[in-house]
């Protein structure tokens, strides 16, 4: 990866983290289109999840439902997703560089 690509990736990551931190303060208090439509179509859109989310509805249960807690949850979620994407990239790069055995 050259220096220009590194700067581009760093800028993208910084923008994603800034959006994650500011989104709870800028978001509307009214439900979004998907949630509003689900409430109109389904009588009870809330169902039991198969697996409990560690950060349900962009909140950290210890911090309660606050905008600061939502910012922290979104920041952590963004970092976790970026880390998973980086890990998958490293695994795929290792597989590409391994010599073919048995050929």
PDB file of N, CA and C in Angstrom:
ATOM      1  N   UNK A   1       0.855  -1.172   0.000  1.00  0.00           N
ATOM      2  CA  UNK A   1       0.000   0.000   0.000  1.00  0.00           C
ATOM      3  C   UNK A   1       0.903   1.239   0.000  1.00  0.00           C
ATOM      4  N   UNK A   2       0.649   2.125  -0.908  1.00  0.00           N
ATOM      5  CA  UNK A   2       1.486   3.319  -0.973  1.00  0.00           C
ATOM      6  C   UNK A   2       0.975   4.395  -0.007  1.00  0.00           C
ATOM      7  N   UNK A   3       1.756   5.477   0.113  1.00  0.00           N
ATOM      8  CA  UNK A   3       1.447   6.531   1.081  1.00  0.00           C
ATOM      9  C   UNK A   3       0.099   7.194   0.793  1.00  0.00           C
ATOM     10  N   UNK A   4      -0.231   7.352  -0.478  1.00  0.00           N
ATOM     11  CA  UNK A   4      -1.507   7.989  -0.832  1.00  0.00           C
ATOM     12  C   UNK A   4      -2.688   7.129  -0.385  1.00  0.00           C
ATOM     13  N   UNK A   5      -2.571   5.816  -0.586  1.00  0.00           N
ATOM     14  CA  UNK A   5      -3.640   4.907  -0.152  1.00  0.00           C
ATOM     15  C   UNK A   5      -3.781   4.908   1.364  1.00  0.00           C
ATOM     16  N   UNK A   6      -2.647   4.972   2.080  1.00  0.00           N
ATOM     17  CA  UNK A   6      -2.698   5.004   3.545  1.00  0.00           C
ATOM     18  C   UNK A   6      -3.398   6.271   4.036  1.00  0.00           C
ATOM     19  N   UNK A   7      -3.084   7.401   3.404  1.00  0.00           N
ATOM     20  CA  UNK A   7      -3.752   8.653   3.778  1.00  0.00           C
ATOM     21  C   UNK A   7      -5.247   8.571   3.501  1.00  0.00           C
ATOM     22  N   UNK A   8      -5.611   7.978   2.369  1.00  0.00           N
ATOM     23  CA  UNK A   8      -7.022   7.832   2.016  1.00  0.00           C
ATOM     24  C   UNK A   8      -7.747   6.952   3.034  1.00  0.00           C
ATOM     25  N   UNK A   9      -7.128   5.824   3.395  1.00  0.00           N
ATOM     26  CA  UNK A   9      -7.735   4.908   4.378  1.00  0.00           C
ATOM     27  C   UNK A   9      -7.844   5.573   5.751  1.00  0.00           C
ATOM     28  N   UNK A  10      -6.806   6.277   6.156  1.00  0.00           N
ATOM     29  CA  UNK A  10      -6.832   6.965   7.450  1.00  0.00           C
ATOM     30  C   UNK A  10      -7.924   8.024   7.475  1.00  0.00           C
ATOM     31  N   UNK A  11      -8.062   8.767   6.406  1.00  0.00           N
ATOM     32  CA  UNK A  11      -9.116   9.779   6.323  1.00  0.00           C
ATOM     33  C   UNK A  11     -10.496   9.150   6.388  1.00  0.00           C
ATOM     34  N   UNK A  12     -10.702   8.042   5.697  1.00  0.00           N
ATOM     35  CA  UNK A  12     -11.985   7.356   5.723  1.00  0.00           C
ATOM     36  C   UNK A  12     -12.332   6.840   7.109  1.00  0.00           C
ATOM     37  N   UNK A  13     -11.337   6.278   7.784  1.00  0.00           N
ATOM     38  CA  UNK A  13     -11.565   5.763   9.138  1.00  0.00           C
ATOM     39  C   UNK A  13     -11.890   6.909  10.094  1.00  0.00           C
ATOM     40  N   UNK A  14     -11.170   8.007   9.988  1.00  0.00           N
ATOM     41  CA  UNK A  14     -11.446   9.161  10.845  1.00  0.00           C
ATOM     42  C   UNK A  14     -12.849   9.716  10.599  1.00  0.00           C
ATOM     43  N   UNK A  15     -13.254   9.811   9.353  1.00  0.00           N
ATOM     44  CA  UNK A  15     -14.605  10.294   9.033  1.00  0.00           C
ATOM     45  C   UNK A  15     -15.661   9.351   9.601  1.00  0.00           C
ATOM     46  N   UNK A  16     -15.443   8.039   9.478  1.00  0.00           N
ATOM     47  CA  UNK A  16     -16.399   7.070  10.025  1.00  0.00           C
ATOM     48  C   UNK A  16     -16.515   7.213  11.539  1.00  0.00           C
ATOM     49  N   UNK A  17     -15.382   7.412  12.216  1.00  0.00           N
ATOM     50  CA  UNK A  17     -15.412   7.557  13.672  1.00  0.00           C
ATOM     51  C   UNK A  17     -16.074   8.868  14.097  1.00  0.00           C
ATOM     52  N   UNK A  18     -15.830   9.937  13.353  1.00  0.00           N
ATOM     53  CA  UNK A  18     -16.470  11.226  13.665  1.00  0.00           C
ATOM     54  C   UNK A  18     -17.980  11.128  13.483  1.00  0.00           C
ATOM     55  N   UNK A  19     -18.419  10.476  12.409  1.00  0.00           N
ATOM     56  CA  UNK A  19     -19.859  10.285  12.187  1.00  0.00           C
ATOM     57  C   UNK A  19     -20.457   9.445  13.314  1.00  0.00           C
ATOM     58  N   UNK A  20     -19.743   8.395  13.733  1.00  0.00           N
ATOM     59  CA  UNK A  20     -20.247   7.541  14.815  1.00  0.00           C
ATOM     60  C   UNK A  20     -20.411   8.325  16.107  1.00  0.00           C
ATOM     61  N   UNK A  21     -19.503   9.231  16.380  1.00  0.00           N
ATOM     62  CA  UNK A  21     -19.572  10.018  17.625  1.00  0.00           C
ATOM     63  C   UNK A  21     -20.674  11.068  17.552  1.00  0.00           C
ATOM     64  N   UNK A  22     -20.829  11.722  16.411  1.00  0.00           N
ATOM     65  CA  UNK A  22     -21.785  12.826  16.297  1.00  0.00           C
ATOM     66  C   UNK A  22     -23.203  12.396  15.946  1.00  0.00           C
ATOM     67  N   UNK A  23     -23.387  11.209  15.395  1.00  0.00           N
ATOM     68  CA  UNK A  23     -24.705  10.786  14.903  1.00  0.00           C
ATOM     69  C   UNK A  23     -25.806  10.859  15.956  1.00  0.00           C
ATOM     70  N   UNK A  24     -25.587  10.416  17.198  1.00  0.00           N
ATOM     71  CA  UNK A  24     -26.690  10.505  18.179  1.00  0.00           C
ATOM     72  C   UNK A  24     -27.129  11.935  18.467  1.00  0.00           C
ATOM     73  N   UNK A  25     -26.229  12.887  18.329  1.00  0.00           N
ATOM     74  CA  UNK A  25     -26.577  14.279  18.601  1.00  0.00           C
ATOM     75  C   UNK A  25     -27.282  14.932  17.411  1.00  0.00           C
ATOM     76  N   UNK A  26     -27.087  14.391  16.213  1.00  0.00           N
ATOM     77  CA  UNK A  26     -27.659  14.978  15.007  1.00  0.00           C
ATOM     78  C   UNK A  26     -28.901  14.240  14.511  1.00  0.00           C
ATOM     79  N   UNK A  27     -29.135  13.030  15.013  1.00  0.00           N
ATOM     80  CA  UNK A  27     -30.244  12.213  14.517  1.00  0.00           C
ATOM     81  C   UNK A  27     -31.575  12.754  15.009  1.00  0.00           C
ATOM     82  N   UNK A  28     -32.619  12.472  14.235  1.00  0.00           N
ATOM     83  CA  UNK A  28     -33.968  12.891  14.583  1.00  0.00           C
ATOM     84  C   UNK A  28     -34.497  12.047  15.745  1.00  0.00           C
ATOM     85  N   UNK A  29     -35.341  12.646  16.571  1.00  0.00           N
ATOM     86  CA  UNK A  29     -35.964  11.915  17.667  1.00  0.00           C
ATOM     87  C   UNK A  29     -37.103  11.033  17.157  1.00  0.00           C
ATOM     88  N   UNK A  30     -37.624  11.326  15.971  1.00  0.00           N
ATOM     89  CA  UNK A  30     -38.706  10.538  15.387  1.00  0.00           C
ATOM     90  C   UNK A  30     -38.140   9.266  14.771  1.00  0.00           C
ATOM     91  N   UNK A  31     -38.954   8.181  14.765  1.00  0.00           N
ATOM     92  CA  UNK A  31     -38.461   6.940  14.172  1.00  0.00           C
ATOM     93  C   UNK A  31     -38.148   7.115  12.689  1.00  0.00           C
ATOM     94  N   UNK A  32     -37.154   6.378  12.238  1.00  0.00           N
ATOM     95  CA  UNK A  32     -36.801   6.465  10.821  1.00  0.00           C
ATOM     96  C   UNK A  32     -37.845   5.742   9.979  1.00  0.00           C
ATOM     97  N   UNK A  33     -37.679   5.824   8.688  1.00  0.00           N
ATOM     98  CA  UNK A  33     -38.652   5.251   7.762  1.00  0.00           C
ATOM     99  C   UNK A  33     -38.852   3.760   7.947  1.00  0.00           C
ATOM    100  N   UNK A  34     -37.770   3.017   8.151  1.00  0.00           N
ATOM    101  CA  UNK A  34     -37.884   1.569   8.295  1.00  0.00           C
ATOM    102  C   UNK A  34     -38.642   1.213   9.569  1.00  0.00           C
ATOM    103  N   UNK A  35     -38.289   1.844  10.675  1.00  0.00           N
ATOM    104  CA  UNK A  35     -38.954   1.538  11.938  1.00  0.00           C
ATOM    105  C   UNK A  35     -40.418   1.985  11.908  1.00  0.00           C
ATOM    106  N   UNK A  36     -40.676   3.153  11.315  1.00  0.00           N
ATOM    107  CA  UNK A  36     -42.042   3.650  11.217  1.00  0.00           C
ATOM    108  C   UNK A  36     -42.904   2.718  10.368  1.00  0.00           C
ATOM    109  N   UNK A  37     -42.367   2.258   9.243  1.00  0.00           N
ATOM    110  CA  UNK A  37     -43.110   1.349   8.374  1.00  0.00           C
ATOM    111  C   UNK A  37     -43.347   0.019   9.070  1.00  0.00           C
ATOM    112  N   UNK A  38     -42.359  -0.485   9.784  1.00  0.00           N
ATOM    113  CA  UNK A  38     -42.522  -1.755  10.500  1.00  0.00           C
ATOM    114  C   UNK A  38     -43.623  -1.643  11.540  1.00  0.00           C
ATOM    115  N   UNK A  39     -43.720  -0.500  12.216  1.00  0.00           N
ATOM    116  CA  UNK A  39     -44.774  -0.315  13.214  1.00  0.00           C
ATOM    117  C   UNK A  39     -46.151  -0.273  12.560  1.00  0.00           C
ATOM    118  N   UNK A  40     -46.240   0.259  11.321  1.00  0.00           N
ATOM    119  CA  UNK A  40     -47.520   0.329  10.622  1.00  0.00           C
ATOM    120  C   UNK A  40     -47.918  -1.027  10.064  1.00  0.00           C
ATOM    121  N   UNK A  41     -46.957  -1.801   9.563  1.00  0.00           N
ATOM    122  CA  UNK A  41     -47.251  -3.066   8.894  1.00  0.00           C
ATOM    123  C   UNK A  41     -47.463  -4.188   9.902  1.00  0.00           C
ATOM    124  N   UNK A  42     -46.614  -4.247  10.905  1.00  0.00           N
ATOM    125  CA  UNK A  42     -46.673  -5.349  11.869  1.00  0.00           C
ATOM    126  C   UNK A  42     -47.266  -4.822  13.176  1.00  0.00           C
ATOM    127  N   UNK A  43     -48.213  -5.542  13.742  1.00  0.00           N
ATOM    128  CA  UNK A  43     -48.809  -5.069  14.999  1.00  0.00           C
ATOM    129  C   UNK A  43     -47.797  -5.022  16.142  1.00  0.00           C
ATOM    130  N   UNK A  44     -46.859  -5.944  16.179  1.00  0.00           N
ATOM    131  CA  UNK A  44     -45.851  -5.965  17.229  1.00  0.00           C
ATOM    132  C   UNK A  44     -44.490  -6.193  16.581  1.00  0.00           C
ATOM    133  N   UNK A  45     -43.819  -5.122  16.119  1.00  0.00           N
ATOM    134  CA  UNK A  45     -42.545  -5.315  15.409  1.00  0.00           C
ATOM    135  C   UNK A  45     -41.422  -5.813  16.310  1.00  0.00           C
ATOM    136  N   UNK A  46     -41.562  -5.642  17.606  1.00  0.00           N
ATOM    137  CA  UNK A  46     -40.520  -6.109  18.521  1.00  0.00           C
ATOM    138  C   UNK A  46     -40.709  -7.594  18.765  1.00  0.00           C
ATOM    139  N   UNK A  47     -39.753  -8.381  18.397  1.00  0.00           N
ATOM    140  CA  UNK A  47     -39.791  -9.821  18.618  1.00  0.00           C
ATOM    141  C   UNK A  47     -38.575 -10.221  19.424  1.00  0.00           C
ATOM    142  N   UNK A  48     -38.601 -11.425  19.896  1.00  0.00           N
ATOM    143  CA  UNK A  48     -37.476 -11.920  20.674  1.00  0.00           C
ATOM    144  C   UNK A  48     -36.304 -12.213  19.745  1.00  0.00           C
ATOM    145  N   UNK A  49     -35.144 -11.668  20.028  1.00  0.00           N
ATOM    146  CA  UNK A  49     -33.991 -11.947  19.166  1.00  0.00           C
ATOM    147  C   UNK A  49     -33.442 -13.346  19.423  1.00  0.00           C
ATOM    148  N   UNK A  50     -32.804 -13.895  18.417  1.00  0.00           N
ATOM    149  CA  UNK A  50     -32.183 -15.216  18.556  1.00  0.00           C
ATOM    150  C   UNK A  50     -30.977 -15.105  19.489  1.00  0.00           C
ATOM    151  N   UNK A  51     -30.204 -14.036  19.308  1.00  0.00           N
ATOM    152  CA  UNK A  51     -29.032 -13.786  20.146  1.00  0.00           C
ATOM    153  C   UNK A  51     -29.149 -12.355  20.675  1.00  0.00           C
ATOM    154  N   UNK A  52     -28.958 -12.183  21.965  1.00  0.00           N
ATOM    155  CA  UNK A  52     -29.019 -10.846  22.545  1.00  0.00           C
ATOM    156  C   UNK A  52     -27.846 -10.000  22.054  1.00  0.00           C
ATOM    157  N   UNK A  53     -28.139  -8.784  21.658  1.00  0.00           N
ATOM    158  CA  UNK A  53     -27.101  -7.869  21.206  1.00  0.00           C
ATOM    159  C   UNK A  53     -26.360  -7.295  22.415  1.00  0.00           C
ATOM    160  N   UNK A  54     -25.044  -7.159  22.336  1.00  0.00           N
ATOM    161  CA  UNK A  54     -24.330  -6.548  23.451  1.00  0.00           C
ATOM    162  C   UNK A  54     -24.630  -5.053  23.572  1.00  0.00           C
ATOM    163  N   UNK A  55     -25.052  -4.422  22.473  1.00  0.00           N
ATOM    164  CA  UNK A  55     -25.384  -3.001  22.485  1.00  0.00           C
ATOM    165  C   UNK A  55     -26.727  -2.792  21.777  1.00  0.00           C
ATOM    166  N   UNK A  56     -27.858  -3.174  22.438  1.00  0.00           N
ATOM    167  CA  UNK A  56     -29.164  -3.069  21.772  1.00  0.00           C
ATOM    168  C   UNK A  56     -29.566  -1.615  21.528  1.00  0.00           C
ATOM    169  N   UNK A  57     -30.117  -1.342  20.377  1.00  0.00           N
ATOM    170  CA  UNK A  57     -30.587  -0.001  19.992  1.00  0.00           C
ATOM    171  C   UNK A  57     -29.517   1.069  20.204  1.00  0.00           C
ATOM    172  N   UNK A  58     -28.292   0.726  19.863  1.00  0.00           N
ATOM    173  CA  UNK A  58     -27.166   1.670  19.947  1.00  0.00           C
ATOM    174  C   UNK A  58     -26.971   2.213  21.357  1.00  0.00           C
ATOM    175  N   UNK A  59     -27.163   1.368  22.354  1.00  0.00           N
ATOM    176  CA  UNK A  59     -26.928   1.775  23.738  1.00  0.00           C
ATOM    177  C   UNK A  59     -26.031   0.755  24.423  1.00  0.00           C
ATOM    178  N   UNK A  60     -25.382   1.210  25.466  1.00  0.00           N
ATOM    179  CA  UNK A  60     -24.640   0.316  26.341  1.00  0.00           C
ATOM    180  C   UNK A  60     -25.462   0.209  27.609  1.00  0.00           C
ATOM    181  N   UNK A  61     -25.924  -0.995  27.954  1.00  0.00           N
ATOM    182  CA  UNK A  61     -26.851  -1.131  29.088  1.00  0.00           C
ATOM    183  C   UNK A  61     -26.352  -0.474  30.376  1.00  0.00           C
ATOM    184  N   UNK A  62     -25.072  -0.489  30.640  1.00  0.00           N
ATOM    185  CA  UNK A  62     -24.539   0.114  31.866  1.00  0.00           C
ATOM    186  C   UNK A  62     -24.738   1.635  31.870  1.00  0.00           C
ATOM    187  N   UNK A  63     -24.646   2.250  30.696  1.00  0.00           N
ATOM    188  CA  UNK A  63     -24.746   3.703  30.592  1.00  0.00           C
ATOM    189  C   UNK A  63     -26.181   4.191  30.398  1.00  0.00           C
ATOM    190  N   UNK A  64     -27.108   3.261  30.119  1.00  0.00           N
ATOM    191  CA  UNK A  64     -28.495   3.667  29.909  1.00  0.00           C
ATOM    192  C   UNK A  64     -28.687   4.298  28.538  1.00  0.00           C
ATOM    193  N   UNK A  65     -29.888   4.833  28.330  1.00  0.00           N
ATOM    194  CA  UNK A  65     -30.212   5.452  27.045  1.00  0.00           C
ATOM    195  C   UNK A  65     -29.882   6.937  27.093  1.00  0.00           C
ATOM    196  N   UNK A  66     -28.676   7.269  26.758  1.00  0.00           N
ATOM    197  CA  UNK A  66     -28.258   8.662  26.680  1.00  0.00           C
ATOM    198  C   UNK A  66     -27.501   8.862  25.373  1.00  0.00           C
ATOM    199  N   UNK A  67     -27.386  10.103  24.966  1.00  0.00           N
ATOM    200  CA  UNK A  67     -26.681  10.378  23.711  1.00  0.00           C
ATOM    201  C   UNK A  67     -25.189  10.075  23.845  1.00  0.00           C
ATOM    202  N   UNK A  68     -24.639  10.285  25.008  1.00  0.00           N
ATOM    203  CA  UNK A  68     -23.223   9.955  25.221  1.00  0.00           C
ATOM    204  C   UNK A  68     -23.028   8.440  25.150  1.00  0.00           C
ATOM    205  N   UNK A  69     -23.933   7.692  25.778  1.00  0.00           N
ATOM    206  CA  UNK A  69     -23.862   6.235  25.704  1.00  0.00           C
ATOM    207  C   UNK A  69     -24.024   5.732  24.276  1.00  0.00           C
ATOM    208  N   UNK A  70     -24.926   6.372  23.519  1.00  0.00           N
ATOM    209  CA  UNK A  70     -25.103   5.997  22.112  1.00  0.00           C
ATOM    210  C   UNK A  70     -23.843   6.299  21.309  1.00  0.00           C
ATOM    211  N   UNK A  71     -23.203   7.438  21.593  1.00  0.00           N
ATOM    212  CA  UNK A  71     -21.955   7.774  20.890  1.00  0.00           C
ATOM    213  C   UNK A  71     -20.883   6.746  21.177  1.00  0.00           C
ATOM    214  N   UNK A  72     -20.771   6.357  22.438  1.00  0.00           N
ATOM    215  CA  UNK A  72     -19.763   5.358  22.800  1.00  0.00           C
ATOM    216  C   UNK A  72     -20.085   4.023  22.127  1.00  0.00           C
ATOM    217  N   UNK A  73     -21.364   3.630  22.132  1.00  0.00           N
ATOM    218  CA  UNK A  73     -21.759   2.374  21.494  1.00  0.00           C
ATOM    219  C   UNK A  73     -21.471   2.396  20.001  1.00  0.00           C
ATOM    220  N   UNK A  74     -21.787   3.518  19.351  1.00  0.00           N
ATOM    221  CA  UNK A  74     -21.535   3.601  17.906  1.00  0.00           C
ATOM    222  C   UNK A  74     -20.042   3.648  17.615  1.00  0.00           C
ATOM    223  N   UNK A  75     -19.256   4.318  18.458  1.00  0.00           N
ATOM    224  CA  UNK A  75     -17.809   4.348  18.278  1.00  0.00           C
ATOM    225  C   UNK A  75     -17.238   2.939  18.422  1.00  0.00           C
ATOM    226  N   UNK A  76     -17.657   2.231  19.487  1.00  0.00           N
ATOM    227  CA  UNK A  76     -17.167   0.866  19.689  1.00  0.00           C
ATOM    228  C   UNK A  76     -17.603  -0.058  18.549  1.00  0.00           C
ATOM    229  N   UNK A  77     -18.847   0.074  18.108  1.00  0.00           N
ATOM    230  CA  UNK A  77     -19.320  -0.742  16.997  1.00  0.00           C
ATOM    231  C   UNK A  77     -18.531  -0.491  15.726  1.00  0.00           C
ATOM    232  N   UNK A  78     -18.227   0.771  15.469  1.00  0.00           N
ATOM    233  CA  UNK A  78     -17.432   1.106  14.280  1.00  0.00           C
ATOM    234  C   UNK A  78     -16.031   0.513  14.386  1.00  0.00           C
ATOM    235  N   UNK A  79     -15.416   0.627  15.559  1.00  0.00           N
ATOM    236  CA  UNK A  79     -14.065   0.077  15.747  1.00  0.00           C
ATOM    237  C   UNK A  79     -14.089  -1.447  15.604  1.00  0.00           C
ATOM    238  N   UNK A  80     -15.107  -2.104  16.152  1.00  0.00           N
ATOM    239  CA  UNK A  80     -15.203  -3.564  16.045  1.00  0.00           C
ATOM    240  C   UNK A  80     -15.356  -3.991  14.590  1.00  0.00           C
ATOM    241  N   UNK A  81     -16.217  -3.306  13.843  1.00  0.00           N
ATOM    242  CA  UNK A  81     -16.418  -3.663  12.425  1.00  0.00           C
ATOM    243  C   UNK A  81     -15.138  -3.419  11.623  1.00  0.00           C
ATOM    244  N   UNK A  82     -14.466  -2.285  11.883  1.00  0.00           N
ATOM    245  CA  UNK A  82     -13.206  -2.023  11.178  1.00  0.00           C
ATOM    246  C   UNK A  82     -12.161  -3.081  11.532  1.00  0.00           C
ATOM    247  N   UNK A  83     -12.117  -3.491  12.804  1.00  0.00           N
ATOM    248  CA  UNK A  83     -11.174  -4.535  13.221  1.00  0.00           C
ATOM    249  C   UNK A  83     -11.471  -5.865  12.555  1.00  0.00           C
ATOM    250  N   UNK A  84     -12.760  -6.215  12.474  1.00  0.00           N
ATOM    251  CA  UNK A  84     -13.126  -7.464  11.794  1.00  0.00           C
ATOM    252  C   UNK A  84     -12.766  -7.406  10.313  1.00  0.00           C
ATOM    253  N   UNK A  85     -13.022  -6.278   9.678  1.00  0.00           N
ATOM    254  CA  UNK A  85     -12.684  -6.132   8.255  1.00  0.00           C
ATOM    255  C   UNK A  85     -11.171  -6.232   8.053  1.00  0.00           C
ATOM    256  N   UNK A  86     -10.404  -5.618   8.965  1.00  0.00           N
ATOM    257  CA  UNK A  86      -8.944  -5.704   8.871  1.00  0.00           C
ATOM    258  C   UNK A  86      -8.492  -7.149   9.057  1.00  0.00           C
ATOM    259  N   UNK A  87      -9.078  -7.853  10.019  1.00  0.00           N
ATOM    260  CA  UNK A  87      -8.720  -9.253  10.260  1.00  0.00           C
ATOM    261  C   UNK A  87      -9.007 -10.140   9.060  1.00  0.00           C
ATOM    262  N   UNK A  88     -10.165  -9.941   8.438  1.00  0.00           N
ATOM    263  CA  UNK A  88     -10.504 -10.715   7.239  1.00  0.00           C
ATOM    264  C   UNK A  88      -9.508 -10.392   6.122  1.00  0.00           C
ATOM    265  N   UNK A  89      -9.142  -9.123   5.991  1.00  0.00           N
ATOM    266  CA  UNK A  89      -8.155  -8.735   4.972  1.00  0.00           C
ATOM    267  C   UNK A  89      -6.808  -9.387   5.207  1.00  0.00           C
ATOM    268  N   UNK A  90      -6.375  -9.442   6.465  1.00  0.00           N
ATOM    269  CA  UNK A  90      -5.088 -10.080   6.785  1.00  0.00           C
ATOM    270  C   UNK A  90      -5.147 -11.569   6.458  1.00  0.00           C
ATOM    271  N   UNK A  91      -6.246 -12.233   6.820  1.00  0.00           N
ATOM    272  CA  UNK A  91      -6.377 -13.669   6.532  1.00  0.00           C
ATOM    273  C   UNK A  91      -6.360 -13.921   5.033  1.00  0.00           C
ATOM    274  N   UNK A  92      -7.087 -13.109   4.286  1.00  0.00           N
ATOM    275  CA  UNK A  92      -7.105 -13.296   2.829  1.00  0.00           C
ATOM    276  C   UNK A  92      -5.731 -13.023   2.226  1.00  0.00           C
ATOM    277  N   UNK A  93      -4.998 -12.041   2.745  1.00  0.00           N
ATOM    278  CA  UNK A  93      -3.665 -11.753   2.228  1.00  0.00           C
ATOM    279  C   UNK A  93      -2.705 -12.904   2.523  1.00  0.00           C
ATOM    280  N   UNK A  94      -2.823 -13.512   3.709  1.00  0.00           N
ATOM    281  CA  UNK A  94      -1.966 -14.646   4.060  1.00  0.00           C
ATOM    282  C   UNK A  94      -2.245 -15.819   3.131  1.00  0.00           C
ATOM    283  N   UNK A  95      -3.510 -16.069   2.845  1.00  0.00           N
ATOM    284  CA  UNK A  95      -3.853 -17.178   1.944  1.00  0.00           C
ATOM    285  C   UNK A  95      -3.306 -16.952   0.538  1.00  0.00           C
ATOM    286  N   UNK A  96      -3.300 -15.702   0.082  1.00  0.00           N
ATOM    287  CA  UNK A  96      -2.792 -15.413  -1.256  1.00  0.00           C
ATOM    288  C   UNK A  96      -1.288 -15.606  -1.352  1.00  0.00           C
ATOM    289  N   UNK A  97      -0.551 -15.339  -0.260  1.00  0.00           N
ATOM    290  CA  UNK A  97       0.904 -15.424  -0.301  1.00  0.00           C
ATOM    291  C   UNK A  97       1.432 -16.810   0.017  1.00  0.00           C
ATOM    292  N   UNK A  98       0.595 -17.718   0.551  1.00  0.00           N
ATOM    293  CA  UNK A  98       1.061 -19.073   0.846  1.00  0.00           C
ATOM    294  C   UNK A  98       1.327 -19.815  -0.457  1.00  0.00           C
ATOM    295  N   UNK A  99       2.447 -20.550  -0.498  1.00  0.00           N
ATOM    296  CA  UNK A  99       2.704 -21.339  -1.710  1.00  0.00           C
ATOM    297  C   UNK A  99       1.725 -22.504  -1.796  1.00  0.00           C
ATOM    298  N   UNK A 100       1.349 -22.841  -3.016  1.00  0.00           N
ATOM    299  CA  UNK A 100       0.435 -23.967  -3.216  1.00  0.00           C
ATOM    300  C   UNK A 100       1.147 -25.257  -2.874  1.00  0.00           C
ATOM    301  N   UNK A 101       0.582 -26.019  -1.961  1.00  0.00           N
ATOM    302  CA  UNK A 101       1.164 -27.291  -1.568  1.00  0.00           C
ATOM    303  C   UNK A 101       0.553 -28.394  -2.423  1.00  0.00           C
ATOM    304  N   UNK A 102       1.373 -29.351  -2.821  1.00  0.00           N
ATOM    305  CA  UNK A 102       0.881 -30.481  -3.593  1.00  0.00           C
ATOM    306  C   UNK A 102       0.766 -30.212  -5.077  1.00  0.00           C
ATOM    307  N   UNK A 103       1.202 -29.065  -5.535  1.00  0.00           N
ATOM    308  CA  UNK A 103       1.150 -28.797  -6.988  1.00  0.00           C
ATOM    309  C   UNK A 103       2.538 -28.781  -7.554  1.00  0.00           C
TER     310      UNK A 103
END
